[in-house]
Amino acid sequence: MLTLKDVFQAYFRIKNYVRKTPLDFSSILSDILGKNVFLKFENYQVTGSFKVRGAFNKIVKNIDRVKRRGIITASTGNHGLAVAYASKNFNVKSKIVVPTNVAKVKLNKIKQYGSEIIFYGKDYDEAEKYAKKLAEQENIIYISPYNDLDIIEGNATIAFETFTDNPNIDTFIVPVGGGGLISGIAFFSKIVSKDIKVIGVQSENSPSMYESIKAGKLVRVSLKPSLADGLHGNIETGSITFDFVKKYVDEIILVSEEDIKQAIKFSLEKLGLLIEGSAAVTIASILNKEKELLGNNVCLIISGGNIDIDKIKSILFSGDDRGNM
């Protein structure tokens, strides 16, 4: 389905459009964990999240087709922002379908790039279904946030960059939503060495991949509001990410909303990092979960930093933020 050559080609295809993000050693987290902990700062990416890697790879790789037909996607924010940004770079007509509860900071950033924004549905699942319907009706190219080899190729460049900076990394901890990010990282990592561990982290309030792997097939789950809005939603039927995760990922663990909240607060107060809930799940996992699976050189993927100021205020100054998720 994917080759090492594909990942290398993706890296050189997108490298002039995205940042090579830092990989930094964290002495604070290393002391807590008793292992060497490194942070891969995709929150410093050009749109504030890793999503531009896949978006640029998809658009550049298929530039003639997307210019001719235009593109549409569904997103809770970061993927839509990435598609809008990449589309503007190549003057490609794009439509972004977002649920009505989309985070303000992500919505405002999308608006900067001139894509048509369509509000539909109360959550990602409803927005995705509507976007795919419009794509078929209007003969527009639909770009999935995760269920697309071109997207996975782009995401795999994160692992490639990480190993060029530190070839001793033996464990990746990666946020999981639809599985596009962890599919790319896990695929590349297991080519480097089958002994490298890849651990996914998902919110208890949106545990679609966790429950699917547990059941041995894709299953739909009930969704609850989550601070990790970028990981929210079910996985579409037939998604290739399920096979990637089943083959290459060692384990998926769940973190609670309280875990995520405390990880956001910890990141800001102790690490000086402003990150969104979808990124904070990796930090939450090592603050609160079992550590037996981890190797000696652990890389946490900090996937994004687009978080509403009101949400930050709620986390820092309120004793209970359940109404602000």
C-alpha atoms as a PDB file:
ATOM      1  CA  MET A   1       0.000   0.000   0.000  1.00  0.00           C
ATOM      2  CA  LEU A   2       2.879   2.335   0.759  1.00  0.00           C
ATOM      3  CA  THR A   3       6.650   2.178   0.224  1.00  0.00           C
ATOM      4  CA  LEU A   4       9.715   3.838   1.671  1.00  0.00           C
ATOM      5  CA  LYS A   5      10.273   5.504  -1.702  1.00  0.00           C
ATOM      6  CA  ASP A   6       6.787   7.060  -1.483  1.00  0.00           C
ATOM      7  CA  VAL A   7       7.675   8.691   1.832  1.00  0.00           C
ATOM      8  CA  PHE A   8      10.983  10.063   0.545  1.00  0.00           C
ATOM      9  CA  GLN A   9       9.240  11.458  -2.528  1.00  0.00           C
ATOM     10  CA  ALA A  10       6.600  13.058  -0.307  1.00  0.00           C
ATOM     11  CA  TYR A  11       9.291  14.662   1.836  1.00  0.00           C
ATOM     12  CA  PHE A  12      10.967  16.335  -1.135  1.00  0.00           C
ATOM     13  CA  ARG A  13       7.603  17.172  -2.695  1.00  0.00           C
ATOM     14  CA  ILE A  14       6.456  19.226   0.305  1.00  0.00           C
ATOM     15  CA  LYS A  15       9.672  20.446   1.922  1.00  0.00           C
ATOM     16  CA  ASN A  16       9.499  23.907   0.322  1.00  0.00           C
ATOM     17  CA  TYR A  17       5.978  24.441   1.664  1.00  0.00           C
ATOM     18  CA  VAL A  18       6.184  23.158   5.254  1.00  0.00           C
ATOM     19  CA  ARG A  19       8.578  23.630   8.154  1.00  0.00           C
ATOM     20  CA  LYS A  20      11.058  21.080   9.396  1.00  0.00           C
ATOM     21  CA  THR A  21       9.831  21.264  12.969  1.00  0.00           C
ATOM     22  CA  PRO A  22      12.136  21.049  16.010  1.00  0.00           C
ATOM     23  CA  LEU A  23      12.789  17.893  17.987  1.00  0.00           C
ATOM     24  CA  ASP A  24      13.739  18.988  21.508  1.00  0.00           C
ATOM     25  CA  PHE A  25      14.780  17.131  24.631  1.00  0.00           C
ATOM     26  CA  SER A  26      12.521  17.775  27.625  1.00  0.00           C
ATOM     27  CA  SER A  27      14.402  17.545  30.903  1.00  0.00           C
ATOM     28  CA  ILE A  28      11.193  18.026  32.922  1.00  0.00           C
ATOM     29  CA  LEU A  29       9.316  15.166  31.263  1.00  0.00           C
ATOM     30  CA  SER A  30      12.451  13.023  31.253  1.00  0.00           C
ATOM     31  CA  ASP A  31      12.764  13.421  35.023  1.00  0.00           C
ATOM     32  CA  ILE A  32       9.097  12.516  35.493  1.00  0.00           C
ATOM     33  CA  LEU A  33       9.269   9.461  33.254  1.00  0.00           C
ATOM     34  CA  GLY A  34      12.774   8.312  34.115  1.00  0.00           C
ATOM     35  CA  LYS A  35      13.569   8.054  30.411  1.00  0.00           C
ATOM     36  CA  ASN A  36      14.788  10.403  27.684  1.00  0.00           C
ATOM     37  CA  VAL A  37      11.752  12.284  26.401  1.00  0.00           C
ATOM     38  CA  PHE A  38      11.787  14.311  23.192  1.00  0.00           C
ATOM     39  CA  LEU A  39       9.027  16.527  21.814  1.00  0.00           C
ATOM     40  CA  LYS A  40       8.359  16.840  18.076  1.00  0.00           C
ATOM     41  CA  PHE A  41       6.833  20.301  17.789  1.00  0.00           C
ATOM     42  CA  GLU A  42       4.265  20.120  14.997  1.00  0.00           C
ATOM     43  CA  ASN A  43       2.456  22.931  16.809  1.00  0.00           C
ATOM     44  CA  TYR A  44       5.144  25.149  15.222  1.00  0.00           C
ATOM     45  CA  GLN A  45       4.071  24.098  11.732  1.00  0.00           C
ATOM     46  CA  VAL A  46       2.958  26.818   9.301  1.00  0.00           C
ATOM     47  CA  THR A  47      -0.743  26.475  10.183  1.00  0.00           C
ATOM     48  CA  GLY A  48      -0.169  25.415  13.782  1.00  0.00           C
ATOM     49  CA  SER A  49      -0.560  21.676  13.180  1.00  0.00           C
ATOM     50  CA  PHE A  50       0.884  18.702  11.280  1.00  0.00           C
ATOM     51  CA  LYS A  51      -2.038  18.655   8.849  1.00  0.00           C
ATOM     52  CA  VAL A  52      -0.296  20.767   6.210  1.00  0.00           C
ATOM     53  CA  ARG A  53       2.035  17.876   5.413  1.00  0.00           C
ATOM     54  CA  GLY A  54      -0.757  15.700   4.087  1.00  0.00           C
ATOM     55  CA  ALA A  55      -2.659  18.575   2.491  1.00  0.00           C
ATOM     56  CA  PHE A  56       0.342  19.782   0.492  1.00  0.00           C
ATOM     57  CA  ASN A  57       1.323  16.264  -0.506  1.00  0.00           C
ATOM     58  CA  LYS A  58      -2.193  15.567  -1.793  1.00  0.00           C
ATOM     59  CA  ILE A  59      -2.517  18.833  -3.685  1.00  0.00           C
ATOM     60  CA  VAL A  60       0.982  18.978  -5.210  1.00  0.00           C
ATOM     61  CA  LYS A  61       0.878  15.320  -6.216  1.00  0.00           C
ATOM     62  CA  ASN A  62      -2.472  15.804  -7.983  1.00  0.00           C
ATOM     63  CA  ILE A  63      -2.129  19.447  -8.973  1.00  0.00           C
ATOM     64  CA  ASP A  64      -3.615  19.260 -12.498  1.00  0.00           C
ATOM     65  CA  ARG A  65      -6.674  17.365 -11.338  1.00  0.00           C
ATOM     66  CA  VAL A  66      -7.375  19.562  -8.309  1.00  0.00           C
ATOM     67  CA  LYS A  67      -6.952  22.762 -10.308  1.00  0.00           C
ATOM     68  CA  ARG A  68      -9.420  21.501 -12.873  1.00  0.00           C
ATOM     69  CA  ARG A  69     -12.102  20.231 -10.500  1.00  0.00           C
ATOM     70  CA  GLY A  70     -11.537  21.937  -7.135  1.00  0.00           C
ATOM     71  CA  ILE A  71     -11.521  20.250  -3.745  1.00  0.00           C
ATOM     72  CA  ILE A  72     -13.749  19.806  -0.735  1.00  0.00           C
ATOM     73  CA  THR A  73     -13.111  18.401   2.722  1.00  0.00           C
ATOM     74  CA  ALA A  74     -14.691  17.985   6.126  1.00  0.00           C
ATOM     75  CA  SER A  75     -12.859  19.028   9.252  1.00  0.00           C
ATOM     76  CA  THR A  76     -13.128  20.000  12.895  1.00  0.00           C
ATOM     77  CA  GLY A  77     -10.521  22.662  12.112  1.00  0.00           C
ATOM     78  CA  ASN A  78      -6.881  21.784  11.545  1.00  0.00           C
ATOM     79  CA  HIS A  79      -7.281  19.732   8.367  1.00  0.00           C
ATOM     80  CA  GLY A  80      -9.629  22.343   6.921  1.00  0.00           C
ATOM     81  CA  LEU A  81      -7.131  25.035   7.785  1.00  0.00           C
ATOM     82  CA  ALA A  82      -4.344  23.069   6.098  1.00  0.00           C
ATOM     83  CA  VAL A  83      -6.395  22.484   2.944  1.00  0.00           C
ATOM     84  CA  ALA A  84      -7.394  26.162   2.804  1.00  0.00           C
ATOM     85  CA  TYR A  85      -3.784  27.290   3.212  1.00  0.00           C
ATOM     86  CA  ALA A  86      -2.434  24.862   0.620  1.00  0.00           C
ATOM     87  CA  SER A  87      -5.265  25.706  -1.785  1.00  0.00           C
ATOM     88  CA  LYS A  88      -4.462  29.405  -1.633  1.00  0.00           C
ATOM     89  CA  ASN A  89      -0.807  28.672  -2.416  1.00  0.00           C
ATOM     90  CA  PHE A  90      -1.820  27.035  -5.701  1.00  0.00           C
ATOM     91  CA  ASN A  91      -4.964  29.046  -6.468  1.00  0.00           C
ATOM     92  CA  VAL A  92      -7.152  25.949  -6.146  1.00  0.00           C
ATOM     93  CA  LYS A  93     -10.856  26.408  -5.477  1.00  0.00           C
ATOM     94  CA  SER A  94     -11.762  24.772  -2.176  1.00  0.00           C
ATOM     95  CA  LYS A  95     -14.723  24.213   0.115  1.00  0.00           C
ATOM     96  CA  ILE A  96     -14.395  23.357   3.802  1.00  0.00           C
ATOM     97  CA  VAL A  97     -17.339  21.726   5.611  1.00  0.00           C
ATOM     98  CA  VAL A  98     -17.146  22.228   9.371  1.00  0.00           C
ATOM     99  CA  PRO A  99     -19.540  21.261  12.175  1.00  0.00           C
ATOM    100  CA  THR A 100     -21.319  24.065  14.000  1.00  0.00           C
ATOM    101  CA  ASN A 101     -19.178  23.498  17.110  1.00  0.00           C
ATOM    102  CA  VAL A 102     -15.875  24.166  15.282  1.00  0.00           C
ATOM    103  CA  ALA A 103     -13.296  25.931  17.481  1.00  0.00           C
ATOM    104  CA  LYS A 104     -13.279  29.695  16.917  1.00  0.00           C
ATOM    105  CA  VAL A 105      -9.511  29.974  16.600  1.00  0.00           C
ATOM    106  CA  LYS A 106      -9.443  27.370  13.833  1.00  0.00           C
ATOM    107  CA  LEU A 107     -12.434  28.851  12.038  1.00  0.00           C
ATOM    108  CA  ASN A 108     -10.931  32.346  12.068  1.00  0.00           C
ATOM    109  CA  LYS A 109      -7.675  31.016  10.631  1.00  0.00           C
ATOM    110  CA  ILE A 110      -9.512  29.188   7.841  1.00  0.00           C
ATOM    111  CA  LYS A 111     -11.279  32.427   6.914  1.00  0.00           C
ATOM    112  CA  GLN A 112      -7.918  34.085   6.209  1.00  0.00           C
ATOM    113  CA  TYR A 113      -7.281  31.909   3.158  1.00  0.00           C
ATOM    114  CA  GLY A 114     -10.430  32.472   1.109  1.00  0.00           C
ATOM    115  CA  SER A 115     -11.928  28.972   1.030  1.00  0.00           C
ATOM    116  CA  GLU A 116     -15.698  28.669   1.008  1.00  0.00           C
ATOM    117  CA  ILE A 117     -16.775  27.605   4.505  1.00  0.00           C
ATOM    118  CA  ILE A 118     -19.916  25.496   4.872  1.00  0.00           C
ATOM    119  CA  PHE A 119     -21.386  24.857   8.314  1.00  0.00           C
ATOM    120  CA  TYR A 120     -23.148  21.544   8.633  1.00  0.00           C
ATOM    121  CA  GLY A 121     -23.976  19.170  11.454  1.00  0.00           C
ATOM    122  CA  LYS A 122     -23.380  19.005  15.172  1.00  0.00           C
ATOM    123  CA  ASP A 123     -20.149  16.985  14.898  1.00  0.00           C
ATOM    124  CA  TYR A 124     -17.465  15.740  12.511  1.00  0.00           C
ATOM    125  CA  ASP A 125     -19.418  12.658  11.418  1.00  0.00           C
ATOM    126  CA  GLU A 126     -22.296  14.738  10.080  1.00  0.00           C
ATOM    127  CA  ALA A 127     -19.962  17.243   8.402  1.00  0.00           C
ATOM    128  CA  GLU A 128     -18.018  14.434   6.705  1.00  0.00           C
ATOM    129  CA  LYS A 129     -21.154  12.776   5.355  1.00  0.00           C
ATOM    130  CA  TYR A 130     -22.378  16.071   3.893  1.00  0.00           C
ATOM    131  CA  ALA A 131     -18.993  16.939   2.351  1.00  0.00           C
ATOM    132  CA  LYS A 132     -18.831  13.588   0.569  1.00  0.00           C
ATOM    133  CA  LYS A 133     -22.371  14.101  -0.706  1.00  0.00           C
ATOM    134  CA  LEU A 134     -21.444  17.535  -2.122  1.00  0.00           C
ATOM    135  CA  ALA A 135     -18.286  16.112  -3.691  1.00  0.00           C
ATOM    136  CA  GLU A 136     -20.347  13.573  -5.600  1.00  0.00           C
ATOM    137  CA  GLN A 137     -23.058  16.035  -6.596  1.00  0.00           C
ATOM    138  CA  GLU A 138     -20.635  18.705  -7.830  1.00  0.00           C
ATOM    139  CA  ASN A 139     -17.833  16.436  -9.119  1.00  0.00           C
ATOM    140  CA  ILE A 140     -15.323  17.969  -6.708  1.00  0.00           C
ATOM    141  CA  ILE A 141     -12.358  16.016  -5.333  1.00  0.00           C
ATOM    142  CA  TYR A 142     -12.955  15.020  -1.719  1.00  0.00           C
ATOM    143  CA  ILE A 143      -9.847  15.027   0.482  1.00  0.00           C
ATOM    144  CA  SER A 144     -10.212  12.900   3.582  1.00  0.00           C
ATOM    145  CA  PRO A 145      -8.350  14.085   6.683  1.00  0.00           C
ATOM    146  CA  TYR A 146      -7.048  10.539   7.204  1.00  0.00           C
ATOM    147  CA  ASN A 147      -8.400   7.906   4.777  1.00  0.00           C
ATOM    148  CA  ASP A 148      -6.026   8.673   1.906  1.00  0.00           C
ATOM    149  CA  LEU A 149      -2.580   7.279   1.087  1.00  0.00           C
ATOM    150  CA  ASP A 150      -1.364  10.707  -0.035  1.00  0.00           C
ATOM    151  CA  ILE A 151      -2.286  12.130   3.371  1.00  0.00           C
ATOM    152  CA  ILE A 152      -0.574   9.236   5.171  1.00  0.00           C
ATOM    153  CA  GLU A 153       2.557   9.700   3.013  1.00  0.00           C
ATOM    154  CA  GLY A 154       2.758  13.332   4.078  1.00  0.00           C
ATOM    155  CA  ASN A 155       2.342  12.428   7.731  1.00  0.00           C
ATOM    156  CA  ALA A 156       5.091   9.806   7.492  1.00  0.00           C
ATOM    157  CA  THR A 157       7.594  12.603   6.806  1.00  0.00           C
ATOM    158  CA  ILE A 158       7.330  13.482  10.511  1.00  0.00           C
ATOM    159  CA  ALA A 159       8.995  10.184  11.414  1.00  0.00           C
ATOM    160  CA  PHE A 160      11.612  10.659   8.694  1.00  0.00           C
ATOM    161  CA  GLU A 161      12.524  14.083  10.104  1.00  0.00           C
ATOM    162  CA  THR A 162      12.597  12.733  13.646  1.00  0.00           C
ATOM    163  CA  PHE A 163      15.069   9.970  12.817  1.00  0.00           C
ATOM    164  CA  THR A 164      17.342  12.372  10.919  1.00  0.00           C
ATOM    165  CA  ASP A 165      17.561  14.446  14.119  1.00  0.00           C
ATOM    166  CA  ASN A 166      17.775  11.507  16.531  1.00  0.00           C
ATOM    167  CA  PRO A 167      18.221   7.970  15.156  1.00  0.00           C
ATOM    168  CA  ASN A 168      18.065   6.579  18.706  1.00  0.00           C
ATOM    169  CA  ILE A 169      14.327   7.166  19.129  1.00  0.00           C
ATOM    170  CA  ASP A 170      12.793   3.825  20.105  1.00  0.00           C
ATOM    171  CA  THR A 171       9.236   4.818  21.027  1.00  0.00           C
ATOM    172  CA  PHE A 172       6.677   7.149  19.452  1.00  0.00           C
ATOM    173  CA  ILE A 173       3.584   8.328  21.302  1.00  0.00           C
ATOM    174  CA  VAL A 174       1.067   9.687  18.811  1.00  0.00           C
ATOM    175  CA  PRO A 175      -2.433  11.223  19.000  1.00  0.00           C
ATOM    176  CA  VAL A 176      -5.123   9.158  17.277  1.00  0.00           C
ATOM    177  CA  GLY A 177      -8.336  10.348  15.666  1.00  0.00           C
ATOM    178  CA  GLY A 178      -9.055   8.844  12.261  1.00  0.00           C
ATOM    179  CA  GLY A 179      -5.581   7.337  12.271  1.00  0.00           C
ATOM    180  CA  GLY A 180      -3.885   9.194   9.426  1.00  0.00           C
ATOM    181  CA  LEU A 181      -1.072  10.579  11.577  1.00  0.00           C
ATOM    182  CA  ILE A 182      -0.198   7.386  13.417  1.00  0.00           C
ATOM    183  CA  SER A 183      -0.479   5.320  10.220  1.00  0.00           C
ATOM    184  CA  GLY A 184       2.288   7.322   8.569  1.00  0.00           C
ATOM    185  CA  ILE A 185       4.546   7.446  11.617  1.00  0.00           C
ATOM    186  CA  ALA A 186       4.073   3.763  12.455  1.00  0.00           C
ATOM    187  CA  PHE A 187       4.666   2.615   8.871  1.00  0.00           C
ATOM    188  CA  PHE A 188       7.959   4.485   8.580  1.00  0.00           C
ATOM    189  CA  SER A 189       9.103   3.547  12.083  1.00  0.00           C
ATOM    190  CA  LYS A 190       8.590  -0.178  11.587  1.00  0.00           C
ATOM    191  CA  ILE A 191      10.644  -0.006   8.376  1.00  0.00           C
ATOM    192  CA  VAL A 192      13.467   1.581  10.369  1.00  0.00           C
ATOM    193  CA  SER A 193      13.180  -1.160  12.989  1.00  0.00           C
ATOM    194  CA  LYS A 194      10.454  -3.597  13.995  1.00  0.00           C
ATOM    195  CA  ASP A 195      11.586  -3.078  17.586  1.00  0.00           C
ATOM    196  CA  ILE A 196      10.510   0.571  17.621  1.00  0.00           C
ATOM    197  CA  LYS A 197       7.301   0.903  19.618  1.00  0.00           C
ATOM    198  CA  VAL A 198       4.414   3.030  18.383  1.00  0.00           C
ATOM    199  CA  ILE A 199       1.699   3.857  20.913  1.00  0.00           C
ATOM    200  CA  GLY A 200      -1.472   5.720  20.055  1.00  0.00           C
ATOM    201  CA  VAL A 201      -3.466   7.891  22.432  1.00  0.00           C
ATOM    202  CA  GLN A 202      -7.161   8.625  22.088  1.00  0.00           C
ATOM    203  CA  SER A 203      -9.771  10.412  24.165  1.00  0.00           C
ATOM    204  CA  GLU A 204     -12.189   8.323  26.216  1.00  0.00           C
ATOM    205  CA  ASN A 205     -14.945  10.526  24.774  1.00  0.00           C
ATOM    206  CA  SER A 206     -14.141   9.566  21.176  1.00  0.00           C
ATOM    207  CA  PRO A 207     -12.549   6.090  21.287  1.00  0.00           C
ATOM    208  CA  SER A 208     -13.317   4.946  17.740  1.00  0.00           C
ATOM    209  CA  MET A 209      -9.935   3.451  16.828  1.00  0.00           C
ATOM    210  CA  TYR A 210      -9.419   1.977  20.288  1.00  0.00           C
ATOM    211  CA  GLU A 211     -12.756   0.169  20.183  1.00  0.00           C
ATOM    212  CA  SER A 212     -12.275  -0.902  16.557  1.00  0.00           C
ATOM    213  CA  ILE A 213      -8.900  -2.511  17.246  1.00  0.00           C
ATOM    214  CA  LYS A 214     -10.365  -4.156  20.326  1.00  0.00           C
ATOM    215  CA  ALA A 215     -13.254  -5.568  18.247  1.00  0.00           C
ATOM    216  CA  GLY A 216     -11.054  -6.566  15.315  1.00  0.00           C
ATOM    217  CA  LYS A 217     -13.194  -4.534  12.912  1.00  0.00           C
ATOM    218  CA  LEU A 218     -14.328  -0.965  12.416  1.00  0.00           C
ATOM    219  CA  VAL A 219     -17.112  -0.088  14.837  1.00  0.00           C
ATOM    220  CA  ARG A 220     -19.047   3.093  15.466  1.00  0.00           C
ATOM    221  CA  VAL A 221     -19.004   4.542  18.969  1.00  0.00           C
ATOM    222  CA  SER A 222     -21.068   7.077  20.846  1.00  0.00           C
ATOM    223  CA  LEU A 223     -19.304  10.433  20.915  1.00  0.00           C
ATOM    224  CA  LYS A 224     -19.163  12.872  23.809  1.00  0.00           C
ATOM    225  CA  PRO A 225     -17.761  16.423  23.796  1.00  0.00           C
ATOM    226  CA  SER A 226     -13.983  16.488  24.146  1.00  0.00           C
ATOM    227  CA  LEU A 227     -11.161  18.927  24.696  1.00  0.00           C
ATOM    228  CA  ALA A 228      -9.369  16.920  21.992  1.00  0.00           C
ATOM    229  CA  ASP A 229     -11.688  18.193  19.248  1.00  0.00           C
ATOM    230  CA  GLY A 230      -9.180  17.395  16.498  1.00  0.00           C
ATOM    231  CA  LEU A 231      -9.407  13.686  17.371  1.00  0.00           C
ATOM    232  CA  HIS A 232     -13.190  13.672  17.488  1.00  0.00           C
ATOM    233  CA  GLY A 233     -15.379  11.492  15.289  1.00  0.00           C
ATOM    234  CA  ASN A 234     -15.942   7.974  14.043  1.00  0.00           C
ATOM    235  CA  ILE A 235     -13.882   6.313  11.307  1.00  0.00           C
ATOM    236  CA  GLU A 236     -15.501   5.910   7.919  1.00  0.00           C
ATOM    237  CA  THR A 237     -16.309   2.427   6.657  1.00  0.00           C
ATOM    238  CA  GLY A 238     -13.422   0.818   4.781  1.00  0.00           C
ATOM    239  CA  SER A 239     -10.796   3.260   6.039  1.00  0.00           C
ATOM    240  CA  ILE A 240      -7.270   2.144   5.168  1.00  0.00           C
ATOM    241  CA  THR A 241      -6.000   3.533   8.467  1.00  0.00           C
ATOM    242  CA  PHE A 242      -7.550   0.626  10.370  1.00  0.00           C
ATOM    243  CA  ASP A 243      -5.296  -1.820   8.511  1.00  0.00           C
ATOM    244  CA  PHE A 244      -2.229   0.361   9.092  1.00  0.00           C
ATOM    245  CA  VAL A 245      -2.938   0.619  12.805  1.00  0.00           C
ATOM    246  CA  LYS A 246      -3.692  -3.084  13.142  1.00  0.00           C
ATOM    247  CA  LYS A 247      -0.413  -3.984  11.400  1.00  0.00           C
ATOM    248  CA  TYR A 248       2.052  -1.382  12.674  1.00  0.00           C
ATOM    249  CA  VAL A 249       0.805   0.089  15.982  1.00  0.00           C
ATOM    250  CA  ASP A 250       1.705  -1.687  19.222  1.00  0.00           C
ATOM    251  CA  GLU A 251      -1.048  -0.333  21.448  1.00  0.00           C
ATOM    252  CA  ILE A 252      -3.694   2.352  21.762  1.00  0.00           C
ATOM    253  CA  ILE A 253      -4.507   3.774  25.175  1.00  0.00           C
ATOM    254  CA  LEU A 254      -7.264   6.081  26.346  1.00  0.00           C
ATOM    255  CA  VAL A 255      -7.017   9.243  28.410  1.00  0.00           C
ATOM    256  CA  SER A 256      -9.834  10.994  30.235  1.00  0.00           C
ATOM    257  CA  GLU A 257     -10.990  14.568  29.761  1.00  0.00           C
ATOM    258  CA  GLU A 258      -9.506  15.398  33.148  1.00  0.00           C
ATOM    259  CA  ASP A 259      -6.177  13.901  32.001  1.00  0.00           C
ATOM    260  CA  ILE A 260      -6.256  16.110  28.897  1.00  0.00           C
ATOM    261  CA  LYS A 261      -7.188  19.195  30.877  1.00  0.00           C
ATOM    262  CA  GLN A 262      -4.320  18.681  33.322  1.00  0.00           C
ATOM    263  CA  ALA A 263      -1.881  18.020  30.471  1.00  0.00           C
ATOM    264  CA  ILE A 264      -2.819  21.313  28.771  1.00  0.00           C
ATOM    265  CA  LYS A 265      -2.336  23.115  32.077  1.00  0.00           C
ATOM    266  CA  PHE A 266       0.954  21.299  32.789  1.00  0.00           C
ATOM    267  CA  SER A 267       2.266  22.117  29.299  1.00  0.00           C
ATOM    268  CA  LEU A 268       1.602  25.819  29.731  1.00  0.00           C
ATOM    269  CA  GLU A 269       2.754  26.176  33.330  1.00  0.00           C
ATOM    270  CA  LYS A 270       5.714  23.775  33.365  1.00  0.00           C
ATOM    271  CA  LEU A 271       6.865  23.535  29.745  1.00  0.00           C
ATOM    272  CA  GLY A 272       5.888  26.973  28.443  1.00  0.00           C
ATOM    273  CA  LEU A 273       3.866  25.343  25.649  1.00  0.00           C
ATOM    274  CA  LEU A 274       0.450  26.485  24.450  1.00  0.00           C
ATOM    275  CA  ILE A 275      -1.046  23.364  22.874  1.00  0.00           C
ATOM    276  CA  GLU A 276      -4.484  22.105  21.962  1.00  0.00           C
ATOM    277  CA  GLY A 277      -6.199  19.148  23.559  1.00  0.00           C
ATOM    278  CA  SER A 278      -5.497  16.880  20.598  1.00  0.00           C
ATOM    279  CA  ALA A 279      -1.764  17.367  21.160  1.00  0.00           C
ATOM    280  CA  ALA A 280      -1.963  17.230  24.951  1.00  0.00           C
ATOM    281  CA  VAL A 281      -3.134  13.612  24.903  1.00  0.00           C
ATOM    282  CA  THR A 282       0.454  12.428  24.401  1.00  0.00           C
ATOM    283  CA  ILE A 283       1.645  14.320  27.470  1.00  0.00           C
ATOM    284  CA  ALA A 284      -1.409  13.115  29.395  1.00  0.00           C
ATOM    285  CA  SER A 285      -0.473   9.538  28.562  1.00  0.00           C
ATOM    286  CA  ILE A 286       2.938   9.681  30.207  1.00  0.00           C
ATOM    287  CA  LEU A 287       1.759  11.676  33.211  1.00  0.00           C
ATOM    288  CA  ASN A 288      -0.974   9.229  34.120  1.00  0.00           C
ATOM    289  CA  LYS A 289      -0.667   5.881  32.329  1.00  0.00           C
ATOM    290  CA  GLU A 290       1.387   2.720  32.553  1.00  0.00           C
ATOM    291  CA  LYS A 291       4.939   3.068  31.250  1.00  0.00           C
ATOM    292  CA  GLU A 292       6.106  -0.530  30.845  1.00  0.00           C
ATOM    293  CA  LEU A 293       5.808  -0.432  27.043  1.00  0.00           C
ATOM    294  CA  LEU A 294       8.118   2.537  26.645  1.00  0.00           C
ATOM    295  CA  GLY A 295      11.717   2.325  25.493  1.00  0.00           C
ATOM    296  CA  ASN A 296      14.570   4.569  26.624  1.00  0.00           C
ATOM    297  CA  ASN A 297      14.221   7.353  24.038  1.00  0.00           C
ATOM    298  CA  VAL A 298      10.617   8.428  23.735  1.00  0.00           C
ATOM    299  CA  CYS A 299       9.254  10.892  21.180  1.00  0.00           C
ATOM    300  CA  LEU A 300       5.937  12.604  21.862  1.00  0.00           C
ATOM    301  CA  ILE A 301       4.206  14.065  18.818  1.00  0.00           C
ATOM    302  CA  ILE A 302       2.908  17.527  19.742  1.00  0.00           C
ATOM    303  CA  SER A 303       0.446  17.639  16.886  1.00  0.00           C
ATOM    304  CA  GLY A 304      -0.990  21.159  17.131  1.00  0.00           C
ATOM    305  CA  GLY A 305      -1.323  24.402  19.041  1.00  0.00           C
ATOM    306  CA  ASN A 306      -4.614  25.882  17.831  1.00  0.00           C
ATOM    307  CA  ILE A 307      -6.700  26.323  20.959  1.00  0.00           C
ATOM    308  CA  ASP A 308      -9.312  28.940  21.806  1.00  0.00           C
ATOM    309  CA  ILE A 309      -8.333  31.543  24.394  1.00  0.00           C
ATOM    310  CA  ASP A 310     -11.657  31.037  26.178  1.00  0.00           C
ATOM    311  CA  LYS A 311     -10.881  27.359  26.564  1.00  0.00           C
ATOM    312  CA  ILE A 312      -7.445  28.138  28.006  1.00  0.00           C
ATOM    313  CA  LYS A 313      -9.011  30.571  30.483  1.00  0.00           C
ATOM    314  CA  SER A 314     -11.524  27.929  31.512  1.00  0.00           C
ATOM    315  CA  ILE A 315      -8.797  25.351  32.107  1.00  0.00           C
ATOM    316  CA  LEU A 316      -6.536  27.699  34.042  1.00  0.00           C
ATOM    317  CA  PHE A 317      -9.040  29.598  36.122  1.00  0.00           C
ATOM    318  CA  SER A 318     -12.088  27.376  36.553  1.00  0.00           C
ATOM    319  CA  GLY A 319     -12.453  24.393  38.791  1.00  0.00           C
ATOM    320  CA  ASP A 320     -14.819  22.699  36.336  1.00  0.00           C
ATOM    321  CA  ASP A 321     -14.643  23.174  32.562  1.00  0.00           C
ATOM    322  CA  ARG A 322     -17.132  20.537  31.516  1.00  0.00           C
ATOM    323  CA  GLY A 323     -19.429  23.146  30.014  1.00  0.00           C
ATOM    324  CA  ASN A 324     -16.658  24.542  27.847  1.00  0.00           C
ATOM    325  CA  MET A 325     -15.522  21.417  26.037  1.00  0.00           C
END
